[in-house]
Amino acid sequence: MLAFELAGFFLFMKMMLLTYVADQVSDWSRQARDWAVSSGITDGTRPKDAVTREEVWTMLYRMKNAIG
């Protein structure tokens, strides 16, 4: 039973670490992300995930409205 609990704990910790790394913004894009969030273009989440066409359209539309 203890081995099962330890295995579950280590799996949980691995998943938490992978999530933490996946949510990290690269240094080269941090300023752009901060601008996009403060301008209301994006919420800044999931910086390493792929983006859909719908998300691109929405961000472009929001950017157009943000800059006039």
C-alpha atoms as a PDB file:
ATOM      1  CA  MET A   1       0.000   0.000   0.000  1.00  0.00           C
ATOM      2  CA  LEU A   2       2.800   2.422   0.857  1.00  0.00           C
ATOM      3  CA  ALA A   3       4.527   1.736  -2.475  1.00  0.00           C
ATOM      4  CA  PHE A   4       1.276   2.544  -4.303  1.00  0.00           C
ATOM      5  CA  GLU A   5       0.888   5.798  -2.369  1.00  0.00           C
ATOM      6  CA  LEU A   6       4.504   6.786  -3.077  1.00  0.00           C
ATOM      7  CA  ALA A   7       4.089   5.992  -6.768  1.00  0.00           C
ATOM      8  CA  GLY A   8       0.974   8.173  -6.866  1.00  0.00           C
ATOM      9  CA  PHE A   9       2.779  10.969  -5.067  1.00  0.00           C
ATOM     10  CA  PHE A  10       5.715  10.890  -7.490  1.00  0.00           C
ATOM     11  CA  LEU A  11       3.355  10.858 -10.481  1.00  0.00           C
ATOM     12  CA  PHE A  12       1.512  13.858  -9.033  1.00  0.00           C
ATOM     13  CA  MET A  13       4.793  15.732  -8.481  1.00  0.00           C
ATOM     14  CA  LYS A  14       5.951  14.966 -12.036  1.00  0.00           C
ATOM     15  CA  MET A  15       2.679  16.265 -13.473  1.00  0.00           C
ATOM     16  CA  MET A  16       2.915  19.416 -11.359  1.00  0.00           C
ATOM     17  CA  LEU A  17       6.474  20.056 -12.548  1.00  0.00           C
ATOM     18  CA  LEU A  18       5.509  19.533 -16.196  1.00  0.00           C
ATOM     19  CA  THR A  19       2.557  21.907 -15.781  1.00  0.00           C
ATOM     20  CA  TYR A  20       4.800  24.501 -14.135  1.00  0.00           C
ATOM     21  CA  VAL A  21       7.357  24.307 -16.963  1.00  0.00           C
ATOM     22  CA  ALA A  22       4.631  24.414 -19.641  1.00  0.00           C
ATOM     23  CA  ASP A  23       3.183  27.603 -18.129  1.00  0.00           C
ATOM     24  CA  GLN A  24       6.527  29.410 -18.075  1.00  0.00           C
ATOM     25  CA  VAL A  25       6.964  32.265 -20.540  1.00  0.00           C
ATOM     26  CA  SER A  26      10.278  32.439 -22.392  1.00  0.00           C
ATOM     27  CA  ASP A  27      12.406  35.483 -21.636  1.00  0.00           C
ATOM     28  CA  TRP A  28      12.304  36.615 -25.265  1.00  0.00           C
ATOM     29  CA  SER A  29       8.477  36.773 -25.269  1.00  0.00           C
ATOM     30  CA  ARG A  30       7.772  38.027 -21.741  1.00  0.00           C
ATOM     31  CA  GLN A  31       7.455  41.722 -22.672  1.00  0.00           C
ATOM     32  CA  ALA A  32       5.129  40.947 -25.595  1.00  0.00           C
ATOM     33  CA  ARG A  33       2.971  38.681 -23.415  1.00  0.00           C
ATOM     34  CA  ASP A  34       2.738  41.357 -20.724  1.00  0.00           C
ATOM     35  CA  TRP A  35       1.680  43.937 -23.323  1.00  0.00           C
ATOM     36  CA  ALA A  36      -0.923  41.613 -24.836  1.00  0.00           C
ATOM     37  CA  VAL A  37      -2.397  40.827 -21.412  1.00  0.00           C
ATOM     38  CA  SER A  38      -2.483  44.464 -20.308  1.00  0.00           C
ATOM     39  CA  SER A  39      -4.107  45.430 -23.631  1.00  0.00           C
ATOM     40  CA  GLY A  40      -6.844  42.829 -23.189  1.00  0.00           C
ATOM     41  CA  ILE A  41      -5.769  40.839 -26.242  1.00  0.00           C
ATOM     42  CA  THR A  42      -5.122  37.599 -24.389  1.00  0.00           C
ATOM     43  CA  ASP A  43      -5.319  36.248 -20.866  1.00  0.00           C
ATOM     44  CA  GLY A  44      -1.704  35.068 -21.092  1.00  0.00           C
ATOM     45  CA  THR A  45      -2.401  31.470 -20.133  1.00  0.00           C
ATOM     46  CA  ARG A  46      -0.995  28.386 -21.869  1.00  0.00           C
ATOM     47  CA  PRO A  47       2.032  30.114 -23.435  1.00  0.00           C
ATOM     48  CA  LYS A  48       3.496  26.860 -24.774  1.00  0.00           C
ATOM     49  CA  ASP A  49       0.260  25.413 -26.225  1.00  0.00           C
ATOM     50  CA  ALA A  50      -0.696  25.439 -29.866  1.00  0.00           C
ATOM     51  CA  VAL A  51      -3.164  28.145 -30.890  1.00  0.00           C
ATOM     52  CA  THR A  52      -6.326  27.552 -32.929  1.00  0.00           C
ATOM     53  CA  ARG A  53      -7.487  29.711 -35.821  1.00  0.00           C
ATOM     54  CA  GLU A  54     -10.388  30.884 -33.681  1.00  0.00           C
ATOM     55  CA  GLU A  55      -7.976  32.083 -31.005  1.00  0.00           C
ATOM     56  CA  VAL A  56      -5.855  33.901 -33.603  1.00  0.00           C
ATOM     57  CA  TRP A  57      -8.919  35.609 -35.066  1.00  0.00           C
ATOM     58  CA  THR A  58     -10.064  36.665 -31.621  1.00  0.00           C
ATOM     59  CA  MET A  59      -6.641  38.029 -30.664  1.00  0.00           C
ATOM     60  CA  LEU A  60      -6.320  39.938 -33.952  1.00  0.00           C
ATOM     61  CA  TYR A  61      -9.798  41.404 -33.473  1.00  0.00           C
ATOM     62  CA  ARG A  62      -8.994  42.433 -29.902  1.00  0.00           C
ATOM     63  CA  MET A  63      -5.681  43.949 -31.049  1.00  0.00           C
ATOM     64  CA  LYS A  64      -7.460  45.967 -33.732  1.00  0.00           C
ATOM     65  CA  ASN A  65      -9.840  47.337 -31.124  1.00  0.00           C
ATOM     66  CA  ALA A  66      -7.039  47.998 -28.642  1.00  0.00           C
ATOM     67  CA  ILE A  67      -4.935  50.087 -31.025  1.00  0.00           C
ATOM     68  CA  GLY A  68      -7.828  51.673 -32.874  1.00  0.00           C
END
